């Protein structure tokens, strides 16, 4: 069985294929996002362009989109959250992480995508890339030669570090 790349665990033919072939329109912003991810994974560039809001299409570099789509191995789509974007709404935001390998390097794209519904059809407007937050410690790091935090007066390496 050919599972859909969007991660729904449904067969491709009954999941995103009807949207990509334009047999039906995606009823929600999240389903359009899933179909667009699948289009990247399957190399369905016309669908990616057609589902971009018309005013934003001129900003699309079709060659760059095609190269990225075809030169990447698409591993997984994680939907982090959705805000709006329901069947009875006209705007929505879908936060997602697309995991892929490009030219042998594993990468991910963490984005908040904005979607708009016009005449009953959802379109991708644009996205904001979410920067990965740096790791921060909850407490200060204790060095080997610092006084031990237990209050013994000994160096950390001679006291609690040994335990």
N, C-alpha and C. Protein backbone atom coordinates (compact mmCIF):
# COMPACT_ATOMS: atom_id res chain seq x y z
N UNK A 1 0.85 -1.18 0.00
CA UNK A 1 0.00 0.00 0.00
C UNK A 1 0.89 1.24 0.00
N UNK A 2 0.53 2.21 -0.81
CA UNK A 2 1.28 3.46 -0.93
C UNK A 2 0.70 4.48 0.05
N UNK A 3 1.34 4.59 1.24
CA UNK A 3 0.85 5.54 2.24
C UNK A 3 1.16 6.96 1.80
N UNK A 4 0.30 7.88 2.20
CA UNK A 4 0.47 9.29 1.85
C UNK A 4 1.68 9.87 2.60
N UNK A 5 2.53 10.63 1.91
CA UNK A 5 3.68 11.25 2.56
C UNK A 5 3.32 12.23 3.67
N UNK A 6 2.08 12.70 3.72
CA UNK A 6 1.70 13.72 4.71
C UNK A 6 1.66 13.18 6.13
N UNK A 7 1.77 11.86 6.30
CA UNK A 7 1.80 11.29 7.64
C UNK A 7 0.45 10.91 8.21
N UNK A 8 -0.58 10.94 7.40
CA UNK A 8 -1.93 10.62 7.89
C UNK A 8 -2.14 9.12 8.11
N UNK A 9 -1.24 8.29 7.60
CA UNK A 9 -1.35 6.83 7.62
C UNK A 9 -2.51 6.32 6.77
N UNK A 10 -2.98 7.16 5.85
CA UNK A 10 -4.02 6.76 4.89
C UNK A 10 -3.34 6.49 3.55
N UNK A 11 -4.00 5.70 2.70
CA UNK A 11 -3.45 5.52 1.35
C UNK A 11 -3.42 6.86 0.61
N UNK A 12 -2.38 7.07 -0.18
CA UNK A 12 -2.23 8.32 -0.93
C UNK A 12 -3.47 8.60 -1.78
N UNK A 13 -4.03 7.56 -2.41
CA UNK A 13 -5.16 7.74 -3.32
C UNK A 13 -6.40 8.29 -2.62
N UNK A 14 -6.56 8.00 -1.33
CA UNK A 14 -7.74 8.49 -0.61
C UNK A 14 -7.40 9.62 0.36
N UNK A 15 -6.16 10.11 0.30
CA UNK A 15 -5.75 11.19 1.20
C UNK A 15 -5.48 12.46 0.39
N UNK A 16 -4.25 12.69 -0.02
CA UNK A 16 -3.89 13.94 -0.69
C UNK A 16 -4.01 13.93 -2.21
N UNK A 17 -4.02 12.73 -2.81
CA UNK A 17 -4.09 12.68 -4.28
C UNK A 17 -5.29 13.43 -4.86
N UNK A 18 -6.51 13.29 -4.30
CA UNK A 18 -7.64 14.02 -4.87
C UNK A 18 -7.45 15.55 -4.85
N UNK A 19 -6.72 16.06 -3.86
CA UNK A 19 -6.45 17.50 -3.81
C UNK A 19 -5.41 17.88 -4.86
N UNK A 20 -4.36 17.07 -4.96
CA UNK A 20 -3.26 17.38 -5.89
C UNK A 20 -3.73 17.28 -7.35
N UNK A 21 -4.61 16.33 -7.64
CA UNK A 21 -5.14 16.20 -9.01
C UNK A 21 -6.28 17.18 -9.27
N UNK A 22 -6.64 17.94 -8.25
CA UNK A 22 -7.70 18.96 -8.32
C UNK A 22 -9.08 18.35 -8.52
N UNK A 23 -9.25 17.06 -8.15
CA UNK A 23 -10.57 16.44 -8.20
C UNK A 23 -11.50 17.11 -7.20
N UNK A 24 -10.94 17.48 -6.04
CA UNK A 24 -11.68 18.23 -5.01
C UNK A 24 -10.73 19.25 -4.39
N UNK A 25 -11.30 20.24 -3.73
CA UNK A 25 -10.49 21.24 -3.02
C UNK A 25 -10.34 20.84 -1.56
N UNK A 26 -9.20 21.15 -0.99
CA UNK A 26 -8.98 20.86 0.43
C UNK A 26 -9.97 21.67 1.26
N UNK A 27 -10.72 21.04 2.17
CA UNK A 27 -11.73 21.76 2.95
C UNK A 27 -11.17 22.60 4.09
N UNK A 28 -9.92 22.35 4.50
CA UNK A 28 -9.34 23.12 5.60
C UNK A 28 -7.92 23.54 5.24
N UNK A 29 -7.42 24.53 5.97
CA UNK A 29 -6.05 24.99 5.76
C UNK A 29 -5.05 23.88 6.07
N UNK A 30 -5.30 23.11 7.13
CA UNK A 30 -4.37 22.02 7.47
C UNK A 30 -4.31 20.97 6.37
N UNK A 31 -5.45 20.62 5.80
CA UNK A 31 -5.44 19.63 4.72
C UNK A 31 -4.73 20.16 3.49
N UNK A 32 -4.86 21.46 3.22
CA UNK A 32 -4.10 22.04 2.11
C UNK A 32 -2.61 21.99 2.41
N UNK A 33 -2.23 22.27 3.66
CA UNK A 33 -0.82 22.20 4.04
C UNK A 33 -0.29 20.79 3.83
N UNK A 34 -1.05 19.79 4.25
CA UNK A 34 -0.64 18.39 4.07
C UNK A 34 -0.50 18.06 2.58
N UNK A 35 -1.44 18.53 1.79
CA UNK A 35 -1.40 18.27 0.34
C UNK A 35 -0.20 18.97 -0.30
N UNK A 36 0.12 20.17 0.14
CA UNK A 36 1.29 20.89 -0.41
C UNK A 36 2.58 20.16 -0.05
N UNK A 37 2.70 19.68 1.19
CA UNK A 37 3.87 18.89 1.58
C UNK A 37 3.98 17.66 0.67
N UNK A 38 2.86 16.97 0.49
CA UNK A 38 2.84 15.78 -0.36
C UNK A 38 3.23 16.14 -1.79
N UNK A 39 2.78 17.30 -2.26
CA UNK A 39 3.14 17.74 -3.61
C UNK A 39 4.65 17.95 -3.73
N UNK A 40 5.27 18.50 -2.70
CA UNK A 40 6.74 18.63 -2.71
C UNK A 40 7.37 17.24 -2.76
N UNK A 41 6.86 16.31 -1.96
CA UNK A 41 7.41 14.95 -1.91
C UNK A 41 7.23 14.21 -3.23
N UNK A 42 6.14 14.49 -3.94
CA UNK A 42 5.83 13.80 -5.19
C UNK A 42 6.28 14.58 -6.43
N UNK A 43 6.79 15.80 -6.24
CA UNK A 43 7.23 16.61 -7.38
C UNK A 43 6.08 17.23 -8.16
N UNK A 44 4.95 17.44 -7.54
CA UNK A 44 3.77 18.01 -8.19
C UNK A 44 3.83 19.54 -8.12
N UNK A 45 4.75 20.12 -8.88
CA UNK A 45 5.02 21.56 -8.82
C UNK A 45 3.82 22.40 -9.25
N UNK A 46 3.07 22.03 -10.30
CA UNK A 46 1.91 22.86 -10.67
C UNK A 46 0.93 23.06 -9.51
N UNK A 47 0.71 22.01 -8.71
CA UNK A 47 -0.20 22.13 -7.56
C UNK A 47 0.33 23.14 -6.56
N UNK A 48 1.63 23.12 -6.30
CA UNK A 48 2.23 24.05 -5.35
C UNK A 48 2.00 25.48 -5.82
N UNK A 49 2.22 25.72 -7.11
CA UNK A 49 2.04 27.07 -7.65
C UNK A 49 0.56 27.48 -7.66
N UNK A 50 -0.31 26.58 -8.09
CA UNK A 50 -1.74 26.89 -8.18
C UNK A 50 -2.38 27.14 -6.82
N UNK A 51 -1.84 26.55 -5.77
CA UNK A 51 -2.43 26.74 -4.44
C UNK A 51 -1.75 27.86 -3.65
N UNK A 52 -0.89 28.61 -4.33
CA UNK A 52 -0.32 29.82 -3.74
C UNK A 52 -1.23 30.97 -4.14
N UNK A 53 -1.53 31.85 -3.21
CA UNK A 53 -2.39 33.00 -3.48
C UNK A 53 -1.88 33.73 -4.72
N UNK A 54 -2.78 34.09 -5.63
CA UNK A 54 -2.39 34.64 -6.93
C UNK A 54 -1.45 35.83 -6.82
N UNK A 55 -1.70 36.74 -5.87
CA UNK A 55 -0.82 37.91 -5.72
C UNK A 55 0.60 37.52 -5.31
N UNK A 56 0.75 36.36 -4.68
CA UNK A 56 2.06 35.90 -4.20
C UNK A 56 2.78 35.02 -5.22
N UNK A 57 2.07 34.55 -6.25
CA UNK A 57 2.68 33.64 -7.22
C UNK A 57 3.86 34.25 -7.96
N UNK A 58 3.80 35.56 -8.19
CA UNK A 58 4.89 36.21 -8.93
C UNK A 58 6.20 36.15 -8.14
N UNK A 59 6.10 35.96 -6.82
CA UNK A 59 7.29 35.84 -5.98
C UNK A 59 7.87 34.43 -5.99
N UNK A 60 7.12 33.48 -6.55
CA UNK A 60 7.56 32.08 -6.58
C UNK A 60 8.57 31.87 -7.70
N UNK A 61 9.65 31.21 -7.38
CA UNK A 61 10.67 30.83 -8.36
C UNK A 61 10.43 29.36 -8.68
N UNK A 62 9.74 29.11 -9.80
CA UNK A 62 9.34 27.75 -10.14
C UNK A 62 10.54 26.81 -10.25
N UNK A 63 11.63 27.28 -10.82
CA UNK A 63 12.82 26.43 -10.95
C UNK A 63 13.38 26.06 -9.58
N UNK A 64 13.45 27.03 -8.66
CA UNK A 64 13.96 26.76 -7.31
C UNK A 64 13.05 25.78 -6.57
N UNK A 65 11.73 25.95 -6.74
CA UNK A 65 10.77 25.04 -6.11
C UNK A 65 10.96 23.63 -6.66
N UNK A 66 11.07 23.53 -7.99
CA UNK A 66 11.25 22.23 -8.63
C UNK A 66 12.55 21.56 -8.15
N UNK A 67 13.64 22.33 -8.14
CA UNK A 67 14.93 21.79 -7.70
C UNK A 67 14.87 21.30 -6.26
N UNK A 68 14.27 22.11 -5.38
CA UNK A 68 14.17 21.73 -3.97
C UNK A 68 13.33 20.46 -3.82
N UNK A 69 12.21 20.43 -4.52
CA UNK A 69 11.31 19.28 -4.44
C UNK A 69 11.99 18.00 -4.92
N UNK A 70 12.63 18.07 -6.07
CA UNK A 70 13.18 16.87 -6.69
C UNK A 70 14.53 16.45 -6.12
N UNK A 71 15.27 17.38 -5.53
CA UNK A 71 16.59 17.05 -4.98
C UNK A 71 16.56 16.79 -3.48
N UNK A 72 15.37 16.62 -2.94
CA UNK A 72 15.22 16.34 -1.51
C UNK A 72 14.48 15.03 -1.31
N UNK A 73 14.80 14.37 -0.22
CA UNK A 73 14.04 13.19 0.20
C UNK A 73 13.19 13.68 1.38
N UNK A 74 11.90 13.53 1.23
CA UNK A 74 10.96 14.06 2.22
C UNK A 74 10.61 12.97 3.21
N UNK A 75 10.92 13.20 4.49
CA UNK A 75 10.79 12.16 5.51
C UNK A 75 9.48 12.23 6.30
N UNK A 76 9.12 13.43 6.75
CA UNK A 76 7.99 13.51 7.68
C UNK A 76 7.47 14.93 7.76
N UNK A 77 6.17 15.04 7.95
CA UNK A 77 5.53 16.33 8.22
C UNK A 77 4.95 16.26 9.62
N UNK A 78 5.31 17.24 10.44
CA UNK A 78 4.75 17.36 11.79
C UNK A 78 3.88 18.61 11.82
N UNK A 79 2.61 18.45 12.13
CA UNK A 79 1.74 19.61 12.33
C UNK A 79 1.84 19.94 13.82
N UNK A 80 2.36 21.13 14.13
CA UNK A 80 2.54 21.56 15.51
C UNK A 80 1.23 22.14 16.06
N UNK A 81 0.62 23.03 15.28
CA UNK A 81 -0.64 23.63 15.72
C UNK A 81 -1.37 24.25 14.54
N UNK A 82 -2.66 24.45 14.72
CA UNK A 82 -3.46 25.17 13.74
C UNK A 82 -4.28 26.21 14.48
N UNK A 83 -4.45 27.34 13.83
CA UNK A 83 -5.27 28.41 14.38
C UNK A 83 -6.20 28.87 13.26
N UNK A 84 -7.49 28.71 13.47
CA UNK A 84 -8.43 29.02 12.40
C UNK A 84 -8.28 27.97 11.31
N UNK A 85 -8.65 28.36 10.10
CA UNK A 85 -8.46 27.47 8.96
C UNK A 85 -9.46 26.36 8.83
N UNK A 86 -10.58 26.46 9.55
CA UNK A 86 -11.62 25.43 9.47
C UNK A 86 -12.48 25.58 8.23
N UNK A 87 -13.37 24.63 8.03
CA UNK A 87 -14.23 24.63 6.84
C UNK A 87 -15.09 25.88 6.75
N UNK A 88 -15.49 26.43 7.89
CA UNK A 88 -16.37 27.61 7.89
C UNK A 88 -15.61 28.91 8.16
N UNK A 89 -14.29 28.88 8.03
CA UNK A 89 -13.47 30.07 8.27
C UNK A 89 -12.79 30.51 6.98
N UNK A 90 -12.26 31.74 6.99
CA UNK A 90 -11.63 32.26 5.77
C UNK A 90 -10.13 32.51 5.91
N UNK A 91 -9.59 32.38 7.11
CA UNK A 91 -8.16 32.55 7.32
C UNK A 91 -7.68 31.52 8.33
N UNK A 92 -6.42 31.16 8.20
CA UNK A 92 -5.87 30.19 9.14
C UNK A 92 -4.36 30.23 9.15
N UNK A 93 -3.81 29.72 10.24
CA UNK A 93 -2.36 29.60 10.39
C UNK A 93 -2.07 28.15 10.77
N UNK A 94 -1.12 27.55 10.07
CA UNK A 94 -0.71 26.18 10.36
C UNK A 94 0.78 26.21 10.66
N UNK A 95 1.14 25.80 11.88
CA UNK A 95 2.55 25.71 12.25
C UNK A 95 2.98 24.27 12.03
N UNK A 96 4.08 24.09 11.30
CA UNK A 96 4.52 22.75 10.95
C UNK A 96 6.04 22.66 10.89
N UNK A 97 6.52 21.43 10.92
CA UNK A 97 7.94 21.15 10.68
C UNK A 97 8.00 20.09 9.58
N UNK A 98 8.68 20.43 8.49
CA UNK A 98 8.90 19.48 7.40
C UNK A 98 10.33 18.95 7.54
N UNK A 99 10.44 17.63 7.67
CA UNK A 99 11.75 16.99 7.81
C UNK A 99 12.15 16.42 6.46
N UNK A 100 13.36 16.73 6.01
CA UNK A 100 13.81 16.28 4.70
C UNK A 100 15.33 16.19 4.67
N UNK A 101 15.85 15.53 3.65
CA UNK A 101 17.29 15.46 3.40
C UNK A 101 17.54 16.10 2.05
N UNK A 102 18.44 17.07 2.03
CA UNK A 102 18.78 17.77 0.78
C UNK A 102 20.28 17.62 0.53
N UNK A 103 20.62 17.02 -0.61
CA UNK A 103 22.02 16.78 -0.97
C UNK A 103 22.77 16.08 0.16
N UNK A 104 22.13 15.09 0.78
CA UNK A 104 22.77 14.29 1.82
C UNK A 104 22.78 14.90 3.21
N UNK A 105 22.22 16.09 3.38
CA UNK A 105 22.22 16.76 4.68
C UNK A 105 20.79 16.78 5.23
N UNK A 106 20.62 16.22 6.44
CA UNK A 106 19.29 16.24 7.07
C UNK A 106 18.96 17.65 7.53
N UNK A 107 17.75 18.08 7.21
CA UNK A 107 17.31 19.43 7.54
C UNK A 107 15.86 19.39 7.99
N UNK A 108 15.40 20.51 8.53
CA UNK A 108 13.98 20.67 8.78
C UNK A 108 13.60 22.12 8.55
N UNK A 109 12.36 22.30 8.16
CA UNK A 109 11.79 23.63 7.94
C UNK A 109 10.67 23.79 8.95
N UNK A 110 10.84 24.72 9.89
CA UNK A 110 9.83 25.00 10.91
C UNK A 110 9.19 26.33 10.53
N UNK A 111 7.93 26.29 10.17
CA UNK A 111 7.26 27.47 9.62
C UNK A 111 5.86 27.62 10.19
N UNK A 112 5.42 28.88 10.27
CA UNK A 112 4.01 29.19 10.51
C UNK A 112 3.47 29.70 9.18
N UNK A 113 2.68 28.87 8.53
CA UNK A 113 2.12 29.21 7.23
C UNK A 113 0.77 29.88 7.38
N UNK A 114 0.57 30.94 6.60
CA UNK A 114 -0.70 31.66 6.60
C UNK A 114 -1.50 31.24 5.38
N UNK A 115 -2.79 30.97 5.59
CA UNK A 115 -3.67 30.51 4.52
C UNK A 115 -4.91 31.40 4.46
N UNK A 116 -5.46 31.52 3.25
CA UNK A 116 -6.64 32.35 3.04
C UNK A 116 -7.60 31.59 2.12
N UNK A 117 -8.89 31.69 2.43
CA UNK A 117 -9.91 31.03 1.63
C UNK A 117 -10.63 32.07 0.78
N UNK A 118 -10.61 31.86 -0.53
CA UNK A 118 -11.28 32.75 -1.47
C UNK A 118 -12.22 31.94 -2.35
N UNK A 119 -13.47 32.35 -2.43
CA UNK A 119 -14.47 31.64 -3.24
C UNK A 119 -14.50 30.15 -2.94
N UNK A 120 -14.37 29.82 -1.66
CA UNK A 120 -14.46 28.43 -1.23
C UNK A 120 -13.20 27.60 -1.40
N UNK A 121 -12.09 28.23 -1.83
CA UNK A 121 -10.84 27.49 -2.08
C UNK A 121 -9.74 28.07 -1.21
N UNK A 122 -9.02 27.18 -0.50
CA UNK A 122 -7.91 27.58 0.35
C UNK A 122 -6.65 27.82 -0.48
N UNK A 123 -5.90 28.87 -0.10
CA UNK A 123 -4.62 29.20 -0.74
C UNK A 123 -3.57 29.45 0.34
N UNK A 124 -2.34 29.11 0.00
CA UNK A 124 -1.19 29.44 0.85
C UNK A 124 -0.81 30.88 0.55
N UNK A 125 -0.67 31.71 1.59
CA UNK A 125 -0.31 33.12 1.40
C UNK A 125 1.19 33.29 1.56
N UNK A 126 1.69 33.00 2.73
CA UNK A 126 3.14 33.09 3.00
C UNK A 126 3.43 32.41 4.32
N UNK A 127 4.70 32.40 4.68
CA UNK A 127 5.07 31.74 5.92
C UNK A 127 6.17 32.48 6.64
N UNK A 128 6.20 32.29 7.93
CA UNK A 128 7.25 32.85 8.78
C UNK A 128 8.08 31.69 9.29
N UNK A 129 9.38 31.75 9.01
CA UNK A 129 10.29 30.70 9.46
C UNK A 129 10.50 30.87 10.96
N UNK A 130 10.31 29.79 11.69
CA UNK A 130 10.53 29.80 13.13
C UNK A 130 11.97 29.38 13.39
N UNK A 131 12.72 30.25 14.02
CA UNK A 131 14.12 29.96 14.34
C UNK A 131 14.18 28.95 15.48
N UNK A 132 15.15 28.04 15.40
CA UNK A 132 15.35 27.08 16.47
C UNK A 132 15.90 27.81 17.68
N UNK A 133 15.28 27.60 18.82
CA UNK A 133 15.70 28.26 20.05
C UNK A 133 16.97 27.61 20.59
N UNK A 134 17.94 28.42 21.00
CA UNK A 134 19.16 27.84 21.55
C UNK A 134 18.88 27.18 22.90
N UNK A 135 19.68 26.17 23.22
CA UNK A 135 19.54 25.48 24.50
C UNK A 135 20.01 26.40 25.62
N UNK A 136 19.23 26.50 26.67
CA UNK A 136 19.65 27.27 27.85
C UNK A 136 19.48 26.38 29.08
N UNK A 137 20.44 26.47 29.97
CA UNK A 137 20.39 25.68 31.21
C UNK A 137 19.44 26.32 32.20
N UNK A 138 18.79 25.48 32.98
CA UNK A 138 17.90 25.98 34.02
C UNK A 138 18.72 26.56 35.18
N UNK A 139 19.84 25.92 35.46
CA UNK A 139 20.71 26.43 36.53
C UNK A 139 22.13 26.61 35.98
N UNK A 140 22.92 27.35 36.71
CA UNK A 140 24.28 27.63 36.29
C UNK A 140 25.12 26.35 36.27
N UNK A 141 25.99 26.24 35.28
CA UNK A 141 26.87 25.07 35.18
C UNK A 141 27.95 25.15 36.25
N UNK A 142 28.19 24.02 36.90
CA UNK A 142 29.22 23.97 37.94
C UNK A 142 30.48 23.38 37.31
N UNK A 143 31.57 24.10 37.42
CA UNK A 143 32.86 23.63 36.91
C UNK A 143 33.52 22.72 37.94
N UNK A 144 34.45 21.89 37.50
CA UNK A 144 35.15 20.96 38.40
C UNK A 144 35.81 21.68 39.57
N UNK A 145 36.36 22.87 39.32
CA UNK A 145 37.12 23.58 40.35
C UNK A 145 36.31 24.59 41.15
N UNK A 146 35.00 24.69 40.86
CA UNK A 146 34.14 25.59 41.64
C UNK A 146 33.89 24.99 43.02
N UNK A 147 33.55 25.85 43.99
CA UNK A 147 33.15 25.33 45.31
C UNK A 147 31.91 24.46 45.13
N UNK A 148 31.85 23.38 45.87
CA UNK A 148 30.72 22.46 45.75
C UNK A 148 29.44 23.16 46.20
N UNK A 149 28.35 22.88 45.49
CA UNK A 149 27.06 23.51 45.78
C UNK A 149 26.42 22.98 47.07
N UNK A 150 26.99 21.91 47.67
CA UNK A 150 26.41 21.36 48.91
C UNK A 150 26.82 22.17 50.14
N UNK A 151 27.82 23.07 49.96
CA UNK A 151 28.24 23.91 51.08
C UNK A 151 29.35 23.32 51.93
N UNK A 152 29.99 22.25 51.49
CA UNK A 152 31.05 21.61 52.28
C UNK A 152 32.34 22.42 52.32
N UNK A 153 32.51 23.35 51.38
CA UNK A 153 33.74 24.12 51.30
C UNK A 153 34.79 23.45 50.43
N UNK A 154 34.55 22.22 49.99
CA UNK A 154 35.48 21.52 49.11
C UNK A 154 35.20 21.90 47.66
N UNK A 155 36.19 21.62 46.80
CA UNK A 155 35.96 21.80 45.37
C UNK A 155 34.96 20.73 44.92
N UNK A 156 34.19 21.09 43.91
CA UNK A 156 33.16 20.18 43.39
C UNK A 156 33.75 18.84 42.99
N UNK A 157 34.94 18.85 42.35
CA UNK A 157 35.56 17.60 41.88
C UNK A 157 35.95 16.67 43.02
N UNK A 158 36.19 17.22 44.21
CA UNK A 158 36.59 16.41 45.37
C UNK A 158 35.39 16.04 46.26
N UNK A 159 34.21 16.54 45.90
CA UNK A 159 33.04 16.33 46.76
C UNK A 159 31.93 15.61 45.99
N UNK A 160 30.90 16.32 45.62
CA UNK A 160 29.70 15.73 45.02
C UNK A 160 29.90 15.21 43.60
N UNK A 161 30.92 15.68 42.89
CA UNK A 161 31.16 15.19 41.54
C UNK A 161 31.52 13.71 41.55
N UNK A 162 32.15 13.24 42.62
CA UNK A 162 32.57 11.84 42.73
C UNK A 162 31.38 10.89 42.87
N UNK A 163 30.28 11.37 43.36
CA UNK A 163 29.13 10.49 43.65
C UNK A 163 28.44 10.04 42.41
